[in-house]
PDB file of N, CA and C in Angstrom:
ATOM      1  N   MET A   1       1.057  -1.184   0.029  1.00  0.00           N
ATOM      2  CA  MET A   1       0.159   0.085   0.009  1.00  0.00           C
ATOM      3  C   MET A   1       0.841   1.149   0.262  1.00  0.00           C
ATOM      4  N   ALA A   2       0.725   2.424  -0.730  1.00  0.00           N
ATOM      5  CA  ALA A   2       1.355   3.623  -0.747  1.00  0.00           C
ATOM      6  C   ALA A   2       0.932   4.336   0.077  1.00  0.00           C
ATOM      7  N   THR A   3       2.030   5.232   0.690  1.00  0.00           N
ATOM      8  CA  THR A   3       1.888   5.953   1.422  1.00  0.00           C
ATOM      9  C   THR A   3       1.132   7.361   1.151  1.00  0.00           C
ATOM     10  N   ILE A   4       0.706   8.301   1.994  1.00  0.00           N
ATOM     11  CA  ILE A   4       0.052   9.681   1.701  1.00  0.00           C
ATOM     12  C   ILE A   4       1.049  10.207   0.515  1.00  0.00           C
ATOM     13  N   PRO A   5       2.300  10.643   1.088  1.00  0.00           N
ATOM     14  CA  PRO A   5       3.599  11.331  -0.067  1.00  0.00           C
ATOM     15  C   PRO A   5       3.580  10.636  -1.255  1.00  0.00           C
ATOM     16  N   GLU A   6       3.962   9.197  -1.488  1.00  0.00           N
ATOM     17  CA  GLU A   6       3.880   8.508  -2.262  1.00  0.00           C
ATOM     18  C   GLU A   6       2.757   8.713  -3.161  1.00  0.00           C
ATOM     19  N   LEU A   7       1.413   8.933  -2.664  1.00  0.00           N
ATOM     20  CA  LEU A   7       0.323   9.277  -3.560  1.00  0.00           C
ATOM     21  C   LEU A   7       0.376  10.511  -4.335  1.00  0.00           C
ATOM     22  N   ILE A   8       0.825  11.828  -3.138  1.00  0.00           N
ATOM     23  CA  ILE A   8       0.996  12.970  -3.729  1.00  0.00           C
ATOM     24  C   ILE A   8       1.750  13.216  -5.204  1.00  0.00           C
ATOM     25  N   LYS A   9       2.855  12.249  -4.949  1.00  0.00           N
ATOM     26  CA  LYS A   9       4.097  12.585  -6.094  1.00  0.00           C
ATOM     27  C   LYS A   9       2.910  11.999  -7.260  1.00  0.00           C
ATOM     28  N   LEU A  10       2.279  10.670  -6.982  1.00  0.00           N
ATOM     29  CA  LEU A  10       1.549  10.147  -8.586  1.00  0.00           C
ATOM     30  C   LEU A  10       0.465  10.892  -8.861  1.00  0.00           C
ATOM     31  N   ALA A  11      -0.215  11.772  -8.093  1.00  0.00           N
ATOM     32  CA  ALA A  11      -1.365  12.846  -8.567  1.00  0.00           C
ATOM     33  C   ALA A  11      -0.998  14.095  -9.286  1.00  0.00           C
ATOM     34  N   ASN A  12       0.391  14.454  -9.283  1.00  0.00           N
ATOM     35  CA  ASN A  12       0.916  15.587  -9.891  1.00  0.00           C
ATOM     36  C   ASN A  12      -0.305  16.094 -10.952  1.00  0.00           C
ATOM     37  N   ASN A  13      -0.895  15.155 -11.495  1.00  0.00           N
ATOM     38  CA  ASN A  13      -1.223  15.465 -13.069  1.00  0.00           C
ATOM     39  C   ASN A  13      -2.942  15.965 -12.829  1.00  0.00           C
ATOM     40  N   ASP A  14      -3.624  15.498 -11.276  1.00  0.00           N
ATOM     41  CA  ASP A  14      -4.527  15.732 -11.168  1.00  0.00           C
ATOM     42  C   ASP A  14      -4.848  16.805 -10.046  1.00  0.00           C
ATOM     43  N   SER A  15      -5.078  17.593 -10.182  1.00  0.00           N
ATOM     44  CA  SER A  15      -4.904  19.065  -9.306  1.00  0.00           C
ATOM     45  C   SER A  15      -6.121  18.654  -8.087  1.00  0.00           C
ATOM     46  N   LYS A  16      -7.010  18.588  -8.608  1.00  0.00           N
ATOM     47  CA  LYS A  16      -8.304  18.344  -7.795  1.00  0.00           C
ATOM     48  C   LYS A  16      -7.728  17.289  -6.733  1.00  0.00           C
ATOM     49  N   LEU A  17      -7.311  15.751  -7.254  1.00  0.00           N
ATOM     50  CA  LEU A  17      -6.704  14.920  -6.515  1.00  0.00           C
ATOM     51  C   LEU A  17      -5.892  15.058  -5.692  1.00  0.00           C
ATOM     52  N   LEU A  18      -4.537  16.153  -6.245  1.00  0.00           N
ATOM     53  CA  LEU A  18      -3.326  16.282  -5.437  1.00  0.00           C
ATOM     54  C   LEU A  18      -4.009  17.308  -4.093  1.00  0.00           C
ATOM     55  N   GLY A  19      -4.797  18.004  -4.379  1.00  0.00           N
ATOM     56  CA  GLY A  19      -5.137  18.975  -3.143  1.00  0.00           C
ATOM     57  C   GLY A  19      -5.890  18.110  -2.060  1.00  0.00           C
ATOM     58  N   ALA A  20      -6.657  17.164  -2.497  1.00  0.00           N
ATOM     59  CA  ALA A  20      -7.183  16.532  -1.580  1.00  0.00           C
ATOM     60  C   ALA A  20      -6.338  15.440  -0.658  1.00  0.00           C
ATOM     61  N   LEU A  21      -5.251  15.085  -1.436  1.00  0.00           N
ATOM     62  CA  LEU A  21      -4.252  14.234  -0.717  1.00  0.00           C
ATOM     63  C   LEU A  21      -3.500  15.218   0.019  1.00  0.00           C
ATOM     64  N   GLN A  22      -3.001  16.443  -0.201  1.00  0.00           N
ATOM     65  CA  GLN A  22      -2.262  17.594   0.365  1.00  0.00           C
ATOM     66  C   GLN A  22      -2.786  17.744   1.822  1.00  0.00           C
ATOM     67  N   GLU A  23      -4.322  18.034   1.584  1.00  0.00           N
ATOM     68  CA  GLU A  23      -5.280  18.163   3.167  1.00  0.00           C
ATOM     69  C   GLU A  23      -5.173  17.120   3.912  1.00  0.00           C
ATOM     70  N   LEU A  24      -5.407  16.020   3.101  1.00  0.00           N
ATOM     71  CA  LEU A  24      -5.357  14.548   4.314  1.00  0.00           C
ATOM     72  C   LEU A  24      -3.910  14.644   4.589  1.00  0.00           C
ATOM     73  N   ASP A  25      -2.976  15.037   3.936  1.00  0.00           N
ATOM     74  CA  ASP A  25      -1.220  14.912   4.635  1.00  0.00           C
ATOM     75  C   ASP A  25      -1.377  15.830   5.876  1.00  0.00           C
ATOM     76  N   GLN A  26      -1.906  17.044   5.488  1.00  0.00           N
ATOM     77  CA  GLN A  26      -1.731  17.939   6.636  1.00  0.00           C
ATOM     78  C   GLN A  26      -2.746  17.480   7.806  1.00  0.00           C
ATOM     79  N   TYR A  27      -3.886  16.853   7.881  1.00  0.00           N
ATOM     80  CA  TYR A  27      -4.643  16.343   8.581  1.00  0.00           C
ATOM     81  C   TYR A  27      -3.749  15.116   9.722  1.00  0.00           C
ATOM     82  N   ARG A  28      -3.158  14.166   8.544  1.00  0.00           N
ATOM     83  CA  ARG A  28      -2.116  13.525   9.343  1.00  0.00           C
ATOM     84  C   ARG A  28      -1.036  13.948   9.989  1.00  0.00           C
ATOM     85  N   LYS A  29      -0.726  15.154   9.691  1.00  0.00           N
ATOM     86  CA  LYS A  29       0.738  15.556  10.388  1.00  0.00           C
ATOM     87  C   LYS A  29       0.299  16.367  11.665  1.00  0.00           C
ATOM     88  N   ASN A  30      -0.922  17.015  11.478  1.00  0.00           N
ATOM     89  CA  ASN A  30      -1.441  17.853  12.580  1.00  0.00           C
ATOM     90  C   ASN A  30      -2.926  18.069  12.667  1.00  0.00           C
ATOM     91  N   PRO A  31      -3.581  16.986  13.146  1.00  0.00           N
ATOM     92  CA  PRO A  31      -5.549  17.236  12.723  1.00  0.00           C
ATOM     93  C   PRO A  31      -5.901  18.454  13.354  1.00  0.00           C
ATOM     94  N   LEU A  32      -5.457  18.891  14.675  1.00  0.00           N
ATOM     95  CA  LEU A  32      -6.321  19.936  15.221  1.00  0.00           C
ATOM     96  C   LEU A  32      -5.776  21.281  14.724  1.00  0.00           C
ATOM     97  N   ALA A  33      -4.590  21.310  14.170  1.00  0.00           N
ATOM     98  CA  ALA A  33      -4.102  22.891  13.557  1.00  0.00           C
ATOM     99  C   ALA A  33      -5.322  22.811  12.246  1.00  0.00           C
ATOM    100  N   ASN A  34      -5.913  21.868  11.609  1.00  0.00           N
ATOM    101  CA  ASN A  34      -6.829  22.105  10.792  1.00  0.00           C
ATOM    102  C   ASN A  34      -8.112  21.904  10.947  1.00  0.00           C
ATOM    103  N   MET A  35      -8.495  21.932  12.436  1.00  0.00           N
ATOM    104  CA  MET A  35      -9.603  22.447  12.740  1.00  0.00           C
ATOM    105  C   MET A  35     -10.862  23.492  12.155  1.00  0.00           C
ATOM    106  N   LYS A  36     -11.683  23.032  11.953  1.00  0.00           N
ATOM    107  CA  LYS A  36     -12.740  23.960  10.970  1.00  0.00           C
ATOM    108  C   LYS A  36     -14.070  24.166  12.378  1.00  0.00           C
ATOM    109  N   PRO A  37     -14.378  25.598  12.387  1.00  0.00           N
ATOM    110  CA  PRO A  37     -15.249  25.888  13.170  1.00  0.00           C
ATOM    111  C   PRO A  37     -16.806  24.771  12.520  1.00  0.00           C
ATOM    112  N   CYS A  38     -17.815  24.704  13.327  1.00  0.00           N
ATOM    113  CA  CYS A  38     -19.197  24.259  12.695  1.00  0.00           C
ATOM    114  C   CYS A  38     -19.699  25.524  12.448  1.00  0.00           C
ATOM    115  N   TRP A  39     -20.106  25.682  11.008  1.00  0.00           N
ATOM    116  CA  TRP A  39     -20.804  26.859  10.566  1.00  0.00           C
ATOM    117  C   TRP A  39     -21.962  27.070  10.822  1.00  0.00           C
ATOM    118  N   LYS A  40     -22.558  25.946  10.878  1.00  0.00           N
ATOM    119  CA  LYS A  40     -23.920  25.845  11.092  1.00  0.00           C
ATOM    120  C   LYS A  40     -24.381  26.845  12.580  1.00  0.00           C
ATOM    121  N   TYR A  41     -23.388  26.194  13.668  1.00  0.00           N
ATOM    122  CA  TYR A  41     -23.841  26.675  14.683  1.00  0.00           C
ATOM    123  C   TYR A  41     -22.992  28.020  15.109  1.00  0.00           C
ATOM    124  N   VAL A  42     -22.150  28.620  14.356  1.00  0.00           N
ATOM    125  CA  VAL A  42     -21.902  29.752  14.251  1.00  0.00           C
ATOM    126  C   VAL A  42     -23.177  30.599  13.838  1.00  0.00           C
ATOM    127  N   ARG A  43     -23.677  30.281  12.701  1.00  0.00           N
ATOM    128  CA  ARG A  43     -24.784  30.851  12.310  1.00  0.00           C
ATOM    129  C   ARG A  43     -25.831  30.699  13.496  1.00  0.00           C
ATOM    130  N   GLN A  44     -26.430  29.737  13.990  1.00  0.00           N
ATOM    131  CA  GLN A  44     -27.631  29.541  14.676  1.00  0.00           C
ATOM    132  C   GLN A  44     -27.345  29.809  15.815  1.00  0.00           C
ATOM    133  N   ASN A  45     -26.346  29.615  16.833  1.00  0.00           N
ATOM    134  CA  ASN A  45     -26.299  29.516  18.059  1.00  0.00           C
ATOM    135  C   ASN A  45     -25.794  31.100  18.630  1.00  0.00           C
ATOM    136  N   ASN A  46     -26.227  31.686  20.028  1.00  0.00           N
ATOM    137  CA  ASN A  46     -25.609  32.851  20.395  1.00  0.00           C
ATOM    138  C   ASN A  46     -24.441  31.978  21.495  1.00  0.00           C
ATOM    139  N   ILE A  47     -23.547  32.891  22.236  1.00  0.00           N
ATOM    140  CA  ILE A  47     -22.452  32.234  22.824  1.00  0.00           C
ATOM    141  C   ILE A  47     -23.029  31.618  24.448  1.00  0.00           C
ATOM    142  N   HIS A  48     -24.377  31.847  24.737  1.00  0.00           N
ATOM    143  CA  HIS A  48     -24.658  30.938  25.740  1.00  0.00           C
ATOM    144  C   HIS A  48     -25.286  29.742  25.286  1.00  0.00           C
ATOM    145  N   GLN A  49     -25.710  29.553  24.189  1.00  0.00           N
ATOM    146  CA  GLN A  49     -26.042  28.603  23.797  1.00  0.00           C
ATOM    147  C   GLN A  49     -25.140  27.318  23.426  1.00  0.00           C
ATOM    148  N   GLN A  50     -24.215  27.775  22.764  1.00  0.00           N
ATOM    149  CA  GLN A  50     -22.712  27.364  22.189  1.00  0.00           C
ATOM    150  C   GLN A  50     -21.707  27.048  23.769  1.00  0.00           C
ATOM    151  N   LEU A  51     -21.871  27.551  24.896  1.00  0.00           N
ATOM    152  CA  LEU A  51     -21.623  27.244  26.045  1.00  0.00           C
ATOM    153  C   LEU A  51     -22.067  26.147  26.510  1.00  0.00           C
ATOM    154  N   GLU A  52     -23.364  25.770  26.768  1.00  0.00           N
ATOM    155  CA  GLU A  52     -24.239  25.019  26.850  1.00  0.00           C
ATOM    156  C   GLU A  52     -23.743  23.591  26.238  1.00  0.00           C
ATOM    157  N   HIS A  53     -23.443  23.843  24.829  1.00  0.00           N
ATOM    158  CA  HIS A  53     -23.326  22.937  24.181  1.00  0.00           C
ATOM    159  C   HIS A  53     -21.667  22.207  24.714  1.00  0.00           C
ATOM    160  N   VAL A  54     -20.958  23.141  24.887  1.00  0.00           N
ATOM    161  CA  VAL A  54     -19.484  22.567  25.350  1.00  0.00           C
ATOM    162  C   VAL A  54     -19.713  21.811  26.677  1.00  0.00           C
ATOM    163  N   MET A  55     -20.502  22.227  27.447  1.00  0.00           N
ATOM    164  CA  MET A  55     -20.787  21.718  28.540  1.00  0.00           C
ATOM    165  C   MET A  55     -21.189  20.336  28.282  1.00  0.00           C
ATOM    166  N   SER A  56     -22.357  20.558  27.462  1.00  0.00           N
ATOM    167  CA  SER A  56     -22.711  18.540  26.887  1.00  0.00           C
ATOM    168  C   SER A  56     -21.593  17.846  26.766  1.00  0.00           C
ATOM    169  N   GLU A  57     -20.748  18.209  25.916  1.00  0.00           N
ATOM    170  CA  GLU A  57     -19.594  17.430  25.306  1.00  0.00           C
ATOM    171  C   GLU A  57     -18.948  17.147  26.702  1.00  0.00           C
ATOM    172  N   CYS A  58     -18.615  17.836  27.387  1.00  0.00           N
ATOM    173  CA  CYS A  58     -17.895  17.407  29.034  1.00  0.00           C
ATOM    174  C   CYS A  58     -18.533  16.177  29.523  1.00  0.00           C
ATOM    175  N   VAL A  59     -19.916  16.446  29.276  1.00  0.00           N
ATOM    176  CA  VAL A  59     -20.523  15.171  30.208  1.00  0.00           C
ATOM    177  C   VAL A  59     -20.120  13.717  29.249  1.00  0.00           C
ATOM    178  N   GLU A  60     -20.162  14.126  27.945  1.00  0.00           N
ATOM    179  CA  GLU A  60     -19.881  12.615  27.363  1.00  0.00           C
ATOM    180  C   GLU A  60     -18.782  12.272  27.532  1.00  0.00           C
ATOM    181  N   VAL A  61     -17.744  13.437  27.795  1.00  0.00           N
ATOM    182  CA  VAL A  61     -16.275  12.820  28.080  1.00  0.00           C
ATOM    183  C   VAL A  61     -16.219  11.903  29.665  1.00  0.00           C
ATOM    184  N   GLU A  62     -17.238  12.341  30.421  1.00  0.00           N
ATOM    185  CA  GLU A  62     -17.372  11.854  31.869  1.00  0.00           C
ATOM    186  C   GLU A  62     -17.831  10.432  31.580  1.00  0.00           C
ATOM    187  N   GLU A  63     -18.940  10.296  30.696  1.00  0.00           N
ATOM    188  CA  GLU A  63     -19.570   8.950  30.215  1.00  0.00           C
ATOM    189  C   GLU A  63     -19.026   7.944  29.473  1.00  0.00           C
ATOM    190  N   ALA A  64     -17.797   8.318  28.578  1.00  0.00           N
ATOM    191  CA  ALA A  64     -17.093   7.760  28.124  1.00  0.00           C
ATOM    192  C   ALA A  64     -16.709   6.253  28.260  1.00  0.00           C
ATOM    193  N   MET A  65     -16.536   5.159  27.754  1.00  0.00           N
ATOM    194  CA  MET A  65     -15.755   3.901  28.423  1.00  0.00           C
ATOM    195  C   MET A  65     -14.554   3.646  27.883  1.00  0.00           C
ATOM    196  N   THR A  66     -14.448   4.103  26.912  1.00  0.00           N
ATOM    197  CA  THR A  66     -12.696   3.294  26.362  1.00  0.00           C
ATOM    198  C   THR A  66     -11.987   4.879  25.961  1.00  0.00           C
ATOM    199  N   LEU A  67     -10.716   4.276  25.809  1.00  0.00           N
ATOM    200  CA  LEU A  67     -10.247   5.478  25.380  1.00  0.00           C
ATOM    201  C   LEU A  67     -10.365   5.975  24.167  1.00  0.00           C
ATOM    202  N   ASP A  68     -10.667   5.578  23.295  1.00  0.00           N
ATOM    203  CA  ASP A  68     -11.022   5.749  21.724  1.00  0.00           C
ATOM    204  C   ASP A  68     -12.151   6.720  22.155  1.00  0.00           C
ATOM    205  N   GLU A  69     -13.173   6.514  22.850  1.00  0.00           N
ATOM    206  CA  GLU A  69     -14.331   7.424  23.063  1.00  0.00           C
ATOM    207  C   GLU A  69     -14.053   8.639  24.174  1.00  0.00           C
ATOM    208  N   ILE A  70     -13.206   8.348  24.942  1.00  0.00           N
ATOM    209  CA  ILE A  70     -12.524   9.863  25.489  1.00  0.00           C
ATOM    210  C   ILE A  70     -12.068  10.627  24.779  1.00  0.00           C
ATOM    211  N   ALA A  71     -10.915  10.019  23.725  1.00  0.00           N
ATOM    212  CA  ALA A  71     -10.385  10.865  22.694  1.00  0.00           C
ATOM    213  C   ALA A  71     -11.401  11.501  21.909  1.00  0.00           C
ATOM    214  N   SER A  72     -12.485  10.953  21.333  1.00  0.00           N
ATOM    215  CA  SER A  72     -13.506  11.387  20.582  1.00  0.00           C
ATOM    216  C   SER A  72     -14.208  12.463  20.828  1.00  0.00           C
ATOM    217  N   GLU A  73     -14.641  12.393  22.117  1.00  0.00           N
ATOM    218  CA  GLU A  73     -15.269  13.376  23.051  1.00  0.00           C
ATOM    219  C   GLU A  73     -14.432  14.544  23.189  1.00  0.00           C
ATOM    220  N   PHE A  74     -12.943  14.413  23.501  1.00  0.00           N
ATOM    221  CA  PHE A  74     -12.132  15.516  23.313  1.00  0.00           C
ATOM    222  C   PHE A  74     -11.994  16.193  22.287  1.00  0.00           C
ATOM    223  N   ILE A  75     -11.945  15.521  21.304  1.00  0.00           N
ATOM    224  CA  ILE A  75     -12.252  16.182  19.971  1.00  0.00           C
ATOM    225  C   ILE A  75     -13.294  17.219  19.791  1.00  0.00           C
ATOM    226  N   ASP A  76     -14.484  16.417  20.181  1.00  0.00           N
ATOM    227  CA  ASP A  76     -15.856  17.316  20.008  1.00  0.00           C
ATOM    228  C   ASP A  76     -15.592  18.466  21.106  1.00  0.00           C
ATOM    229  N   ILE A  77     -15.190  18.475  22.123  1.00  0.00           N
ATOM    230  CA  ILE A  77     -15.002  19.426  22.901  1.00  0.00           C
ATOM    231  C   ILE A  77     -14.409  20.663  22.320  1.00  0.00           C
ATOM    232  N   PHE A  78     -12.919  20.155  21.994  1.00  0.00           N
ATOM    233  CA  PHE A  78     -12.488  21.292  21.312  1.00  0.00           C
ATOM    234  C   PHE A  78     -13.106  21.748  19.623  1.00  0.00           C
ATOM    235  N   GLN A  79     -13.697  20.913  19.146  1.00  0.00           N
ATOM    236  CA  GLN A  79     -14.469  21.418  17.931  1.00  0.00           C
ATOM    237  C   GLN A  79     -15.433  22.424  18.485  1.00  0.00           C
ATOM    238  N   SER A  80     -15.974  22.349  19.416  1.00  0.00           N
ATOM    239  CA  SER A  80     -17.343  23.097  20.232  1.00  0.00           C
ATOM    240  C   SER A  80     -16.690  24.271  20.596  1.00  0.00           C
ATOM    241  N   ALA A  81     -15.693  24.118  21.543  1.00  0.00           N
ATOM    242  CA  ALA A  81     -14.980  25.223  22.045  1.00  0.00           C
ATOM    243  C   ALA A  81     -14.364  26.598  20.995  1.00  0.00           C
ATOM    244  N   TYR A  82     -13.854  25.797  19.967  1.00  0.00           N
ATOM    245  CA  TYR A  82     -13.397  26.505  18.983  1.00  0.00           C
ATOM    246  C   TYR A  82     -14.294  27.344  17.811  1.00  0.00           C
ATOM    247  N   THR A  83     -15.581  26.245  17.683  1.00  0.00           N
ATOM    248  CA  THR A  83     -16.823  27.027  17.110  1.00  0.00           C
ATOM    249  C   THR A  83     -17.279  28.293  18.239  1.00  0.00           C
ATOM    250  N   GLY A  84     -17.383  28.028  19.741  1.00  0.00           N
ATOM    251  CA  GLY A  84     -17.320  29.279  20.726  1.00  0.00           C
ATOM    252  C   GLY A  84     -16.532  30.473  20.168  1.00  0.00           C
ATOM    253  N   LEU A  85     -15.329  30.104  20.072  1.00  0.00           N
ATOM    254  CA  LEU A  85     -14.294  31.254  19.951  1.00  0.00           C
ATOM    255  C   LEU A  85     -14.553  31.982  18.466  1.00  0.00           C
ATOM    256  N   ILE A  86     -15.154  31.305  17.457  1.00  0.00           N
ATOM    257  CA  ILE A  86     -15.427  32.113  16.329  1.00  0.00           C
ATOM    258  C   ILE A  86     -16.892  33.104  16.261  1.00  0.00           C
ATOM    259  N   ILE A  87     -17.683  32.155  17.401  1.00  0.00           N
ATOM    260  CA  ILE A  87     -19.113  33.066  17.539  1.00  0.00           C
ATOM    261  C   ILE A  87     -18.889  34.078  18.428  1.00  0.00           C
ATOM    262  N   LEU A  88     -17.844  34.276  19.314  1.00  0.00           N
ATOM    263  CA  LEU A  88     -17.376  35.197  19.913  1.00  0.00           C
ATOM    264  C   LEU A  88     -16.719  36.523  18.982  1.00  0.00           C
ATOM    265  N   GLN A  89     -16.078  36.026  18.168  1.00  0.00           N
ATOM    266  CA  GLN A  89     -15.275  36.886  17.182  1.00  0.00           C
ATOM    267  C   GLN A  89     -16.677  37.492  16.051  1.00  0.00           C
ATOM    268  N   VAL A  90     -17.324  36.729  15.538  1.00  0.00           N
ATOM    269  CA  VAL A  90     -18.205  37.205  14.284  1.00  0.00           C
ATOM    270  C   VAL A  90     -19.415  37.596  14.797  1.00  0.00           C
ATOM    271  N   LYS A  91     -20.133  37.558  15.925  1.00  0.00           N
ATOM    272  CA  LYS A  91     -21.218  37.841  16.564  1.00  0.00           C
ATOM    273  C   LYS A  91     -20.964  39.040  17.552  1.00  0.00           C
ATOM    274  N   TYR A  92     -19.939  38.738  18.274  1.00  0.00           N
ATOM    275  CA  TYR A  92     -19.705  39.728  19.764  1.00  0.00           C
ATOM    276  C   TYR A  92     -18.452  40.912  19.251  1.00  0.00           C
ATOM    277  N   GLY A  93     -17.586  40.759  17.928  1.00  0.00           N
ATOM    278  CA  GLY A  93     -16.335  41.618  17.962  1.00  0.00           C
ATOM    279  C   GLY A  93     -15.162  41.079  18.590  1.00  0.00           C
ATOM    280  N   GLN A  94     -14.851  40.178  19.171  1.00  0.00           N
ATOM    281  CA  GLN A  94     -14.072  39.764  19.948  1.00  0.00           C
ATOM    282  C   GLN A  94     -13.008  39.295  19.336  1.00  0.00           C
ATOM    283  N   ASN A  95     -11.619  40.021  19.688  1.00  0.00           N
ATOM    284  CA  ASN A  95     -10.432  40.041  18.366  1.00  0.00           C
ATOM    285  C   ASN A  95      -9.651  38.349  19.075  1.00  0.00           C
ATOM    286  N   ILE A  96      -9.973  37.615  18.436  1.00  0.00           N
ATOM    287  CA  ILE A  96      -9.869  36.049  19.085  1.00  0.00           C
ATOM    288  C   ILE A  96      -7.983  36.071  18.905  1.00  0.00           C
ATOM    289  N   GLY A  97      -7.550  35.970  17.528  1.00  0.00           N
ATOM    290  CA  GLY A  97      -6.239  36.404  17.911  1.00  0.00           C
ATOM    291  C   GLY A  97      -5.275  37.045  18.483  1.00  0.00           C
ATOM    292  N   GLU A  98      -5.864  38.110  18.975  1.00  0.00           N
ATOM    293  CA  GLU A  98      -5.152  39.312  19.798  1.00  0.00           C
ATOM    294  C   GLU A  98      -5.657  38.631  21.290  1.00  0.00           C
ATOM    295  N   LEU A  99      -6.554  38.190  21.853  1.00  0.00           N
ATOM    296  CA  LEU A  99      -6.820  37.415  22.612  1.00  0.00           C
ATOM    297  C   LEU A  99      -5.755  36.304  23.114  1.00  0.00           C
ATOM    298  N   MET A 100      -5.780  35.367  21.935  1.00  0.00           N
ATOM    299  CA  MET A 100      -4.829  34.348  21.995  1.00  0.00           C
ATOM    300  C   MET A 100      -3.742  34.486  22.536  1.00  0.00           C
ATOM    301  N   ARG A 101      -3.317  35.494  21.578  1.00  0.00           N
ATOM    302  CA  ARG A 101      -1.631  36.162  22.116  1.00  0.00           C
ATOM    303  C   ARG A 101      -1.742  36.697  23.308  1.00  0.00           C
ATOM    304  N   ALA A 102      -2.571  37.441  23.774  1.00  0.00           N
ATOM    305  CA  ALA A 102      -2.357  37.684  25.323  1.00  0.00           C
ATOM    306  C   ALA A 102      -2.285  36.385  26.323  1.00  0.00           C
ATOM    307  N   ASN A 103      -3.143  35.598  26.031  1.00  0.00           N
ATOM    308  CA  ASN A 103      -3.338  34.294  26.992  1.00  0.00           C
ATOM    309  C   ASN A 103      -1.983  33.795  26.933  1.00  0.00           C
ATOM    310  N   ILE A 104      -1.263  33.682  26.027  1.00  0.00           N
ATOM    311  CA  ILE A 104       0.015  33.036  25.998  1.00  0.00           C
ATOM    312  C   ILE A 104       0.923  33.668  26.785  1.00  0.00           C
ATOM    313  N   ILE A 105       0.989  35.096  26.414  1.00  0.00           N
ATOM    314  CA  ILE A 105       1.691  35.998  27.201  1.00  0.00           C
ATOM    315  C   ILE A 105       1.655  35.723  28.358  1.00  0.00           C
ATOM    316  N   LYS A 106       0.588  35.795  29.178  1.00  0.00           N
ATOM    317  CA  LYS A 106      -0.015  35.414  30.489  1.00  0.00           C
ATOM    318  C   LYS A 106       0.466  34.147  31.532  1.00  0.00           C
ATOM    319  N   ASN A 107       0.152  33.038  30.430  1.00  0.00           N
ATOM    320  CA  ASN A 107       0.774  31.876  30.830  1.00  0.00           C
ATOM    321  C   ASN A 107       2.062  31.700  31.135  1.00  0.00           C
ATOM    322  N   THR A 108       3.057  32.618  29.823  1.00  0.00           N
ATOM    323  CA  THR A 108       4.143  32.399  29.950  1.00  0.00           C
ATOM    324  C   THR A 108       5.106  32.922  31.112  1.00  0.00           C
ATOM    325  N   ASP A 109       4.083  34.307  31.369  1.00  0.00           N
ATOM    326  CA  ASP A 109       4.728  35.005  32.486  1.00  0.00           C
ATOM    327  C   ASP A 109       4.453  34.594  33.900  1.00  0.00           C
ATOM    328  N   ARG A 110       3.815  33.169  33.964  1.00  0.00           N
ATOM    329  CA  ARG A 110       3.607  33.158  34.975  1.00  0.00           C
ATOM    330  C   ARG A 110       4.579  33.246  36.304  1.00  0.00           C
ATOM    331  N   GLU A 111       4.265  33.449  37.571  1.00  0.00           N
ATOM    332  CA  GLU A 111       5.453  33.259  38.705  1.00  0.00           C
ATOM    333  C   GLU A 111       6.068  31.697  38.967  1.00  0.00           C
ATOM    334  N   GLY A 112       7.137  31.698  38.800  1.00  0.00           N
ATOM    335  CA  GLY A 112       7.842  30.466  38.626  1.00  0.00           C
ATOM    336  C   GLY A 112       8.053  29.520  37.915  1.00  0.00           C
ATOM    337  N   GLY A 113       7.530  30.271  36.633  1.00  0.00           N
ATOM    338  CA  GLY A 113       7.953  29.586  35.213  1.00  0.00           C
ATOM    339  C   GLY A 113       6.931  29.449  34.578  1.00  0.00           C
ATOM    340  N   SER A 114       7.056  28.864  33.251  1.00  0.00           N
ATOM    341  CA  SER A 114       5.791  28.951  32.119  1.00  0.00           C
ATOM    342  C   SER A 114       5.061  28.199  32.228  1.00  0.00           C
ATOM    343  N   TYR A 115       3.970  28.283  31.863  1.00  0.00           N
ATOM    344  CA  TYR A 115       2.806  27.321  32.107  1.00  0.00           C
ATOM    345  C   TYR A 115       3.089  25.973  31.157  1.00  0.00           C
ATOM    346  N   TYR A 116       3.889  26.610  29.904  1.00  0.00           N
ATOM    347  CA  TYR A 116       4.056  25.657  28.999  1.00  0.00           C
ATOM    348  C   TYR A 116       5.149  24.693  29.136  1.00  0.00           C
ATOM    349  N   GLU A 117       5.867  24.659  30.253  1.00  0.00           N
ATOM    350  CA  GLU A 117       7.001  23.881  30.278  1.00  0.00           C
ATOM    351  C   GLU A 117       6.482  22.516  30.831  1.00  0.00           C
TER     352      GLU A 117
END
């Protein structure tokens, strides 16, 4: 069986297939970096509704029985929280990029060392 990088080399003449394989390769390398918000809920929910959804996902983690189920529910939490951030930006005018930078600086400058160590 061919690997994704090998398939990418073979697909050079088919731009649509090449694009799909390259996107798949990016997900393989770092799936969370390629997360997209659920636009349906960005349009439909206010921030309080989205927060309720995040909390319901947390309950599902508690109820998960296997490591695969736990991992899947954590991904759902991440997706739901990311969607909440986009709701804050789109509907409430929050500058999520700036808030993320400020949060990283705050957590890096903690007394006694970096949060990220």
